[in-house]
Amino acid sequence: MNLYQINAIKQQLDQEIEILEKSIVDLHNAKTKFVGCLETVESFEKLPNYNQIMVPLTPSLYVPGRTVNNNEFLLDVGTGYYIERDRKSTIDYFNRKVQFLNTQMDKIVKSMQEKGSVRQSCLQRQQ
């Protein structure tokens, strides 16, 4: 391979690594949200029924509310669909989501390491 081809491969790998890094950040942010949901559901076990709470309408707007049944939850499963689940099923749902995201992040990290090794080889060949 000539120097031009090696440089082109290195640039492509740099772009791919940058995209993978952004994917890791996005997946980590999603995982953080699911972990937060999981912790909230788990904390409801300690609350009595008919407990006063503040219900968020937006990130900065809340209205007073009251829990009715601490064992029933509505899960937003996307595209405007909601499913009703008990506490145990809700906890299982969020645990599966977190585990899935962990698996995906592990795959991306492995891919980044492989691309980083190839990139390092390109750098060595350039010298």
C-alpha atoms as a PDB file:
ATOM      1  CA  MET A   1       0.000   0.000   0.000  1.00  0.00           C
ATOM      2  CA  ASN A   2       1.181   3.465  -0.744  1.00  0.00           C
ATOM      3  CA  LEU A   3       1.177   6.351   1.721  1.00  0.00           C
ATOM      4  CA  TYR A   4      -1.974   7.894   0.189  1.00  0.00           C
ATOM      5  CA  GLN A   5      -3.995   4.692   0.700  1.00  0.00           C
ATOM      6  CA  ILE A   6      -2.765   4.281   4.270  1.00  0.00           C
ATOM      7  CA  ASN A   7      -3.695   7.883   5.055  1.00  0.00           C
ATOM      8  CA  ALA A   8      -7.181   7.395   3.550  1.00  0.00           C
ATOM      9  CA  ILE A   9      -7.735   4.272   5.678  1.00  0.00           C
ATOM     10  CA  LYS A  10      -6.545   6.119   8.793  1.00  0.00           C
ATOM     11  CA  GLN A  11      -8.956   9.000   8.130  1.00  0.00           C
ATOM     12  CA  GLN A  12     -11.841   6.573   7.625  1.00  0.00           C
ATOM     13  CA  LEU A  13     -10.977   4.798  10.871  1.00  0.00           C
ATOM     14  CA  ASP A  14     -10.813   8.135  12.688  1.00  0.00           C
ATOM     15  CA  GLN A  15     -14.328   8.953  11.473  1.00  0.00           C
ATOM     16  CA  GLU A  16     -15.659   5.525  12.454  1.00  0.00           C
ATOM     17  CA  ILE A  17     -14.095   5.750  15.913  1.00  0.00           C
ATOM     18  CA  GLU A  18     -15.637   9.202  16.397  1.00  0.00           C
ATOM     19  CA  ILE A  19     -19.090   7.848  15.474  1.00  0.00           C
ATOM     20  CA  LEU A  20     -18.637   4.906  17.857  1.00  0.00           C
ATOM     21  CA  GLU A  21     -17.594   7.272  20.657  1.00  0.00           C
ATOM     22  CA  LYS A  22     -20.781   9.289  20.123  1.00  0.00           C
ATOM     23  CA  SER A  23     -22.795   6.065  20.171  1.00  0.00           C
ATOM     24  CA  ILE A  24     -21.239   5.104  23.511  1.00  0.00           C
ATOM     25  CA  VAL A  25     -22.210   8.497  24.961  1.00  0.00           C
ATOM     26  CA  ASP A  26     -25.782   8.175  23.642  1.00  0.00           C
ATOM     27  CA  LEU A  27     -26.152   4.633  25.010  1.00  0.00           C
ATOM     28  CA  HIS A  28     -24.726   5.693  28.359  1.00  0.00           C
ATOM     29  CA  ASN A  29     -27.249   8.554  28.556  1.00  0.00           C
ATOM     30  CA  ALA A  30     -30.094   6.143  27.781  1.00  0.00           C
ATOM     31  CA  LYS A  31     -28.785   3.717  30.397  1.00  0.00           C
ATOM     32  CA  THR A  32     -28.677   6.528  32.974  1.00  0.00           C
ATOM     33  CA  LYS A  33     -32.340   7.295  32.292  1.00  0.00           C
ATOM     34  CA  PHE A  34     -33.361   3.637  32.659  1.00  0.00           C
ATOM     35  CA  VAL A  35     -31.356   3.283  35.881  1.00  0.00           C
ATOM     36  CA  GLY A  36     -33.111   6.398  37.195  1.00  0.00           C
ATOM     37  CA  CYS A  37     -36.488   4.879  36.336  1.00  0.00           C
ATOM     38  CA  LEU A  38     -35.494   1.617  38.000  1.00  0.00           C
ATOM     39  CA  GLU A  39     -34.442   3.421  41.196  1.00  0.00           C
ATOM     40  CA  THR A  40     -37.705   5.381  41.226  1.00  0.00           C
ATOM     41  CA  VAL A  41     -39.815   2.233  40.870  1.00  0.00           C
ATOM     42  CA  GLU A  42     -37.821   0.552  43.640  1.00  0.00           C
ATOM     43  CA  SER A  43     -38.292   3.580  45.920  1.00  0.00           C
ATOM     44  CA  PHE A  44     -42.075   3.374  45.530  1.00  0.00           C
ATOM     45  CA  GLU A  45     -42.054   0.140  47.505  1.00  0.00           C
ATOM     46  CA  LYS A  46     -41.283   2.169  50.641  1.00  0.00           C
ATOM     47  CA  LEU A  47     -44.018   4.752  50.059  1.00  0.00           C
ATOM     48  CA  PRO A  48     -47.468   4.239  51.533  1.00  0.00           C
ATOM     49  CA  ASN A  49     -50.505   4.326  49.247  1.00  0.00           C
ATOM     50  CA  TYR A  50     -52.128   7.767  48.913  1.00  0.00           C
ATOM     51  CA  ASN A  51     -48.793   9.490  49.539  1.00  0.00           C
ATOM     52  CA  GLN A  52     -48.468  13.099  48.324  1.00  0.00           C
ATOM     53  CA  ILE A  53     -45.982  13.499  45.444  1.00  0.00           C
ATOM     54  CA  MET A  54     -45.012  16.095  42.860  1.00  0.00           C
ATOM     55  CA  VAL A  55     -45.700  14.938  39.295  1.00  0.00           C
ATOM     56  CA  PRO A  56     -43.423  16.389  36.574  1.00  0.00           C
ATOM     57  CA  LEU A  57     -45.234  17.764  33.529  1.00  0.00           C
ATOM     58  CA  THR A  58     -42.014  19.140  32.014  1.00  0.00           C
ATOM     59  CA  PRO A  59     -38.456  19.209  33.375  1.00  0.00           C
ATOM     60  CA  SER A  60     -39.283  22.444  35.225  1.00  0.00           C
ATOM     61  CA  LEU A  61     -43.056  22.220  35.823  1.00  0.00           C
ATOM     62  CA  TYR A  62     -44.635  20.046  38.519  1.00  0.00           C
ATOM     63  CA  VAL A  63     -48.157  19.553  39.844  1.00  0.00           C
ATOM     64  CA  PRO A  64     -49.178  17.991  43.146  1.00  0.00           C
ATOM     65  CA  GLY A  65     -50.391  14.424  42.969  1.00  0.00           C
ATOM     66  CA  ARG A  66     -51.083  11.377  45.067  1.00  0.00           C
ATOM     67  CA  THR A  67     -50.118   7.746  44.679  1.00  0.00           C
ATOM     68  CA  VAL A  68     -53.080   5.398  44.580  1.00  0.00           C
ATOM     69  CA  ASN A  69     -51.477   1.970  44.169  1.00  0.00           C
ATOM     70  CA  ASN A  70     -47.723   1.623  44.577  1.00  0.00           C
ATOM     71  CA  ASN A  71     -47.725  -1.719  42.817  1.00  0.00           C
ATOM     72  CA  GLU A  72     -49.083  -0.638  39.402  1.00  0.00           C
ATOM     73  CA  PHE A  73     -47.102   1.278  36.777  1.00  0.00           C
ATOM     74  CA  LEU A  74     -47.680   2.463  33.211  1.00  0.00           C
ATOM     75  CA  LEU A  75     -44.638   1.936  31.014  1.00  0.00           C
ATOM     76  CA  ASP A  76     -44.059   4.010  27.906  1.00  0.00           C
ATOM     77  CA  VAL A  77     -42.849   1.410  25.392  1.00  0.00           C
ATOM     78  CA  GLY A  78     -42.565   3.888  22.529  1.00  0.00           C
ATOM     79  CA  THR A  79     -44.628   5.421  19.734  1.00  0.00           C
ATOM     80  CA  GLY A  80     -47.409   6.391  22.128  1.00  0.00           C
ATOM     81  CA  TYR A  81     -47.994   2.882  23.493  1.00  0.00           C
ATOM     82  CA  TYR A  82     -48.210   2.217  27.211  1.00  0.00           C
ATOM     83  CA  ILE A  83     -48.453  -1.059  29.087  1.00  0.00           C
ATOM     84  CA  GLU A  84     -49.596  -1.612  32.646  1.00  0.00           C
ATOM     85  CA  ARG A  85     -47.272  -3.696  34.823  1.00  0.00           C
ATOM     86  CA  ASP A  86     -46.853  -4.528  38.475  1.00  0.00           C
ATOM     87  CA  ARG A  87     -43.720  -3.480  40.381  1.00  0.00           C
ATOM     88  CA  LYS A  88     -41.823  -6.743  39.845  1.00  0.00           C
ATOM     89  CA  SER A  89     -42.516  -6.767  36.083  1.00  0.00           C
ATOM     90  CA  THR A  90     -41.567  -3.098  35.839  1.00  0.00           C
ATOM     91  CA  ILE A  91     -38.273  -3.710  37.637  1.00  0.00           C
ATOM     92  CA  ASP A  92     -37.589  -6.697  35.346  1.00  0.00           C
ATOM     93  CA  TYR A  93     -38.347  -4.528  32.296  1.00  0.00           C
ATOM     94  CA  PHE A  94     -35.861  -1.829  33.292  1.00  0.00           C
ATOM     95  CA  ASN A  95     -33.228  -4.405  34.282  1.00  0.00           C
ATOM     96  CA  ARG A  96     -33.533  -5.976  30.809  1.00  0.00           C
ATOM     97  CA  LYS A  97     -33.183  -2.551  29.173  1.00  0.00           C
ATOM     98  CA  VAL A  98     -30.072  -1.756  31.223  1.00  0.00           C
ATOM     99  CA  GLN A  99     -28.567  -5.177  30.468  1.00  0.00           C
ATOM    100  CA  PHE A 100     -29.266  -4.735  26.739  1.00  0.00           C
ATOM    101  CA  LEU A 101     -27.557  -1.326  26.740  1.00  0.00           C
ATOM    102  CA  ASN A 102     -24.573  -2.737  28.637  1.00  0.00           C
ATOM    103  CA  THR A 103     -24.241  -5.495  26.019  1.00  0.00           C
ATOM    104  CA  GLN A 104     -24.418  -2.981  23.173  1.00  0.00           C
ATOM    105  CA  MET A 105     -21.833  -0.723  24.813  1.00  0.00           C
ATOM    106  CA  ASP A 106     -19.505  -3.713  25.288  1.00  0.00           C
ATOM    107  CA  LYS A 107     -19.816  -4.562  21.591  1.00  0.00           C
ATOM    108  CA  ILE A 108     -19.048  -0.982  20.594  1.00  0.00           C
ATOM    109  CA  VAL A 109     -16.040  -0.789  22.918  1.00  0.00           C
ATOM    110  CA  LYS A 110     -14.680  -4.002  21.400  1.00  0.00           C
ATOM    111  CA  SER A 111     -15.193  -2.593  17.891  1.00  0.00           C
ATOM    112  CA  MET A 112     -13.472   0.651  18.904  1.00  0.00           C
ATOM    113  CA  GLN A 113     -10.490  -1.299  20.241  1.00  0.00           C
ATOM    114  CA  GLU A 114     -10.201  -3.266  16.995  1.00  0.00           C
ATOM    115  CA  LYS A 115     -10.403  -0.113  14.895  1.00  0.00           C
ATOM    116  CA  GLY A 116      -7.900   1.572  17.200  1.00  0.00           C
ATOM    117  CA  SER A 117      -5.450  -1.292  16.647  1.00  0.00           C
ATOM    118  CA  VAL A 118      -5.829  -1.047  12.881  1.00  0.00           C
ATOM    119  CA  ARG A 119      -5.408   2.732  13.110  1.00  0.00           C
ATOM    120  CA  GLN A 120      -2.234   2.262  15.152  1.00  0.00           C
ATOM    121  CA  SER A 121      -0.904  -0.097  12.480  1.00  0.00           C
ATOM    122  CA  CYS A 122      -1.605   2.559   9.846  1.00  0.00           C
ATOM    123  CA  LEU A 123       0.287   5.131  11.895  1.00  0.00           C
ATOM    124  CA  GLN A 124       3.260   2.796  12.184  1.00  0.00           C
ATOM    125  CA  ARG A 125       3.284   2.138   8.440  1.00  0.00           C
ATOM    126  CA  GLN A 126       3.226   5.884   7.747  1.00  0.00           C
ATOM    127  CA  GLN A 127       6.532   6.321   9.565  1.00  0.00           C
END
